[in-house]
Amino acid sequence: MNKQIISVDFPSDILLTLNESETELKKDIKISLAIQLYLKQKLTIGKAAQVAGLSRLDFETLLSESNIPISNLDYDDVRGDSEKLI
Protein backbone atom coordinates (compact mmCIF):
# COMPACT_ATOMS: atom_id res chain seq x y z
CA MET A 1 0.00 0.00 0.00
CA ASN A 2 1.36 3.38 -0.99
CA LYS A 3 1.33 6.08 1.65
CA GLN A 4 1.01 9.83 1.46
CA ILE A 5 2.66 11.97 4.12
CA ILE A 6 0.67 14.98 5.28
CA SER A 7 2.27 17.45 7.65
CA VAL A 8 0.28 19.41 10.24
CA ASP A 9 1.74 22.28 12.24
CA PHE A 10 1.01 22.55 15.97
CA PRO A 11 2.14 25.02 18.61
CA SER A 12 5.49 23.93 20.01
CA ASP A 13 4.09 23.35 23.49
CA ILE A 14 1.12 21.17 22.43
CA LEU A 15 2.78 17.88 23.38
CA LEU A 16 3.58 19.22 26.83
CA THR A 17 0.05 20.57 27.22
CA LEU A 18 -1.50 17.25 26.17
CA ASN A 19 1.08 15.26 28.12
CA GLU A 20 1.55 12.96 25.11
CA SER A 21 4.45 11.86 23.00
CA GLU A 22 4.58 12.71 19.32
CA THR A 23 3.80 9.08 18.51
CA GLU A 24 0.73 9.08 20.76
CA LEU A 25 -0.52 12.34 19.26
CA LYS A 26 -0.08 11.01 15.70
CA LYS A 27 -2.03 7.88 16.61
CA ASP A 28 -4.83 9.91 18.22
CA ILE A 29 -5.05 12.21 15.19
CA LYS A 30 -5.22 9.29 12.76
CA ILE A 31 -7.96 7.59 14.78
CA SER A 32 -9.95 10.81 15.19
CA LEU A 33 -9.69 11.56 11.47
CA ALA A 34 -10.76 8.03 10.56
CA ILE A 35 -13.80 8.22 12.84
CA GLN A 36 -14.87 11.59 11.46
CA LEU A 37 -14.49 10.47 7.84
CA TYR A 38 -16.46 7.31 8.63
CA LEU A 39 -19.23 9.28 10.38
CA LYS A 40 -19.46 11.65 7.38
CA GLN A 41 -19.73 8.54 5.18
CA LYS A 42 -16.69 9.63 3.19
CA LEU A 43 -14.93 6.32 3.94
CA THR A 44 -16.14 2.78 4.37
CA ILE A 45 -15.45 1.13 7.70
CA GLY A 46 -12.59 -0.84 6.10
CA LYS A 47 -10.90 2.25 4.64
CA ALA A 48 -11.41 4.16 7.89
CA ALA A 49 -9.71 1.31 9.75
CA GLN A 50 -6.74 1.64 7.35
CA VAL A 51 -6.52 5.40 8.01
CA ALA A 52 -6.63 4.71 11.76
CA GLY A 53 -3.86 2.15 11.42
CA LEU A 54 -6.05 -0.54 13.01
CA SER A 55 -7.45 -3.85 11.92
CA ARG A 56 -11.08 -3.73 10.90
CA LEU A 57 -12.06 -5.68 14.02
CA ASP A 58 -10.12 -3.31 16.30
CA PHE A 59 -11.67 -0.29 14.56
CA GLU A 60 -15.17 -1.75 14.88
CA THR A 61 -14.49 -2.44 18.57
CA LEU A 62 -13.33 1.16 19.05
CA LEU A 63 -16.48 2.46 17.36
CA SER A 64 -18.67 0.19 19.47
CA GLU A 65 -16.94 1.32 22.68
CA SER A 66 -17.59 4.92 21.59
CA ASN A 67 -21.28 4.17 20.92
CA ILE A 68 -20.82 4.77 17.20
CA PRO A 69 -22.83 2.44 14.95
CA ILE A 70 -20.74 0.07 12.83
CA SER A 71 -23.41 -0.01 10.14
CA ASN A 72 -24.99 2.85 8.21
CA LEU A 73 -28.03 0.78 7.28
CA ASP A 74 -31.39 2.07 8.41
CA TYR A 75 -34.63 0.17 8.87
CA ASP A 76 -35.74 0.71 5.25
CA ASP A 77 -32.42 -0.62 3.93
CA VAL A 78 -32.69 -3.79 6.00
CA ARG A 79 -36.35 -4.28 5.12
CA GLY A 80 -35.65 -3.81 1.40
CA ASP A 81 -32.78 -6.30 1.52
CA SER A 82 -34.86 -8.85 3.40
CA GLU A 83 -37.71 -8.53 0.87
CA LYS A 84 -35.28 -9.31 -1.94
CA LEU A 85 -34.39 -12.58 -0.22
CA ILE A 86 -37.97 -13.82 -0.17
C-alpha atoms as a PDB file:
ATOM      1  CA  MET A   1       0.000   0.000   0.000  1.00  0.00           C
ATOM      2  CA  ASN A   2       1.359   3.382  -0.989  1.00  0.00           C
ATOM      3  CA  LYS A   3       1.332   6.079   1.653  1.00  0.00           C
ATOM      4  CA  GLN A   4       1.012   9.829   1.458  1.00  0.00           C
ATOM      5  CA  ILE A   5       2.658  11.971   4.123  1.00  0.00           C
ATOM      6  CA  ILE A   6       0.674  14.980   5.277  1.00  0.00           C
ATOM      7  CA  SER A   7       2.274  17.446   7.651  1.00  0.00           C
ATOM      8  CA  VAL A   8       0.282  19.405  10.239  1.00  0.00           C
ATOM      9  CA  ASP A   9       1.737  22.279  12.240  1.00  0.00           C
ATOM     10  CA  PHE A  10       1.012  22.550  15.967  1.00  0.00           C
ATOM     11  CA  PRO A  11       2.139  25.020  18.608  1.00  0.00           C
ATOM     12  CA  SER A  12       5.485  23.932  20.005  1.00  0.00           C
ATOM     13  CA  ASP A  13       4.093  23.346  23.491  1.00  0.00           C
ATOM     14  CA  ILE A  14       1.123  21.172  22.433  1.00  0.00           C
ATOM     15  CA  LEU A  15       2.782  17.877  23.382  1.00  0.00           C
ATOM     16  CA  LEU A  16       3.577  19.216  26.829  1.00  0.00           C
ATOM     17  CA  THR A  17       0.046  20.575  27.218  1.00  0.00           C
ATOM     18  CA  LEU A  18      -1.498  17.252  26.166  1.00  0.00           C
ATOM     19  CA  ASN A  19       1.083  15.261  28.118  1.00  0.00           C
ATOM     20  CA  GLU A  20       1.554  12.963  25.114  1.00  0.00           C
ATOM     21  CA  SER A  21       4.454  11.858  22.998  1.00  0.00           C
ATOM     22  CA  GLU A  22       4.582  12.710  19.316  1.00  0.00           C
ATOM     23  CA  THR A  23       3.802   9.076  18.512  1.00  0.00           C
ATOM     24  CA  GLU A  24       0.726   9.077  20.763  1.00  0.00           C
ATOM     25  CA  LEU A  25      -0.518  12.337  19.257  1.00  0.00           C
ATOM     26  CA  LYS A  26      -0.082  11.011  15.699  1.00  0.00           C
ATOM     27  CA  LYS A  27      -2.033   7.877  16.606  1.00  0.00           C
ATOM     28  CA  ASP A  28      -4.829   9.913  18.218  1.00  0.00           C
ATOM     29  CA  ILE A  29      -5.046  12.214  15.194  1.00  0.00           C
ATOM     30  CA  LYS A  30      -5.225   9.293  12.762  1.00  0.00           C
ATOM     31  CA  ILE A  31      -7.957   7.589  14.784  1.00  0.00           C
ATOM     32  CA  SER A  32      -9.950  10.809  15.186  1.00  0.00           C
ATOM     33  CA  LEU A  33      -9.695  11.560  11.471  1.00  0.00           C
ATOM     34  CA  ALA A  34     -10.758   8.029  10.563  1.00  0.00           C
ATOM     35  CA  ILE A  35     -13.799   8.222  12.845  1.00  0.00           C
ATOM     36  CA  GLN A  36     -14.865  11.590  11.460  1.00  0.00           C
ATOM     37  CA  LEU A  37     -14.493  10.472   7.841  1.00  0.00           C
ATOM     38  CA  TYR A  38     -16.458   7.314   8.626  1.00  0.00           C
ATOM     39  CA  LEU A  39     -19.234   9.284  10.376  1.00  0.00           C
ATOM     40  CA  LYS A  40     -19.465  11.651   7.385  1.00  0.00           C
ATOM     41  CA  GLN A  41     -19.725   8.543   5.179  1.00  0.00           C
ATOM     42  CA  LYS A  42     -16.686   9.630   3.193  1.00  0.00           C
ATOM     43  CA  LEU A  43     -14.930   6.322   3.944  1.00  0.00           C
ATOM     44  CA  THR A  44     -16.140   2.782   4.373  1.00  0.00           C
ATOM     45  CA  ILE A  45     -15.450   1.125   7.695  1.00  0.00           C
ATOM     46  CA  GLY A  46     -12.594  -0.841   6.102  1.00  0.00           C
ATOM     47  CA  LYS A  47     -10.898   2.248   4.642  1.00  0.00           C
ATOM     48  CA  ALA A  48     -11.411   4.158   7.892  1.00  0.00           C
ATOM     49  CA  ALA A  49      -9.707   1.315   9.746  1.00  0.00           C
ATOM     50  CA  GLN A  50      -6.744   1.643   7.351  1.00  0.00           C
ATOM     51  CA  VAL A  51      -6.524   5.401   8.015  1.00  0.00           C
ATOM     52  CA  ALA A  52      -6.630   4.712  11.757  1.00  0.00           C
ATOM     53  CA  GLY A  53      -3.857   2.149  11.420  1.00  0.00           C
ATOM     54  CA  LEU A  54      -6.046  -0.535  13.007  1.00  0.00           C
ATOM     55  CA  SER A  55      -7.447  -3.852  11.916  1.00  0.00           C
ATOM     56  CA  ARG A  56     -11.084  -3.728  10.898  1.00  0.00           C
ATOM     57  CA  LEU A  57     -12.061  -5.681  14.019  1.00  0.00           C
ATOM     58  CA  ASP A  58     -10.120  -3.313  16.296  1.00  0.00           C
ATOM     59  CA  PHE A  59     -11.675  -0.290  14.561  1.00  0.00           C
ATOM     60  CA  GLU A  60     -15.173  -1.752  14.883  1.00  0.00           C
ATOM     61  CA  THR A  61     -14.495  -2.437  18.570  1.00  0.00           C
ATOM     62  CA  LEU A  62     -13.327   1.158  19.049  1.00  0.00           C
ATOM     63  CA  LEU A  63     -16.483   2.460  17.360  1.00  0.00           C
ATOM     64  CA  SER A  64     -18.667   0.194  19.468  1.00  0.00           C
ATOM     65  CA  GLU A  65     -16.943   1.320  22.683  1.00  0.00           C
ATOM     66  CA  SER A  66     -17.585   4.925  21.587  1.00  0.00           C
ATOM     67  CA  ASN A  67     -21.284   4.174  20.924  1.00  0.00           C
ATOM     68  CA  ILE A  68     -20.823   4.774  17.200  1.00  0.00           C
ATOM     69  CA  PRO A  69     -22.830   2.442  14.948  1.00  0.00           C
ATOM     70  CA  ILE A  70     -20.739   0.072  12.832  1.00  0.00           C
ATOM     71  CA  SER A  71     -23.411  -0.006  10.140  1.00  0.00           C
ATOM     72  CA  ASN A  72     -24.989   2.851   8.214  1.00  0.00           C
ATOM     73  CA  LEU A  73     -28.034   0.782   7.275  1.00  0.00           C
ATOM     74  CA  ASP A  74     -31.389   2.065   8.413  1.00  0.00           C
ATOM     75  CA  TYR A  75     -34.627   0.172   8.868  1.00  0.00           C
ATOM     76  CA  ASP A  76     -35.744   0.710   5.254  1.00  0.00           C
ATOM     77  CA  ASP A  77     -32.417  -0.625   3.931  1.00  0.00           C
ATOM     78  CA  VAL A  78     -32.694  -3.787   6.000  1.00  0.00           C
ATOM     79  CA  ARG A  79     -36.348  -4.284   5.115  1.00  0.00           C
ATOM     80  CA  GLY A  80     -35.649  -3.812   1.402  1.00  0.00           C
ATOM     81  CA  ASP A  81     -32.781  -6.296   1.524  1.00  0.00           C
ATOM     82  CA  SER A  82     -34.863  -8.851   3.397  1.00  0.00           C
ATOM     83  CA  GLU A  83     -37.709  -8.534   0.874  1.00  0.00           C
ATOM     84  CA  LYS A  84     -35.281  -9.308  -1.942  1.00  0.00           C
ATOM     85  CA  LEU A  85     -34.389 -12.579  -0.222  1.00  0.00           C
ATOM     86  CA  ILE A  86     -37.974 -13.823  -0.166  1.00  0.00           C
END
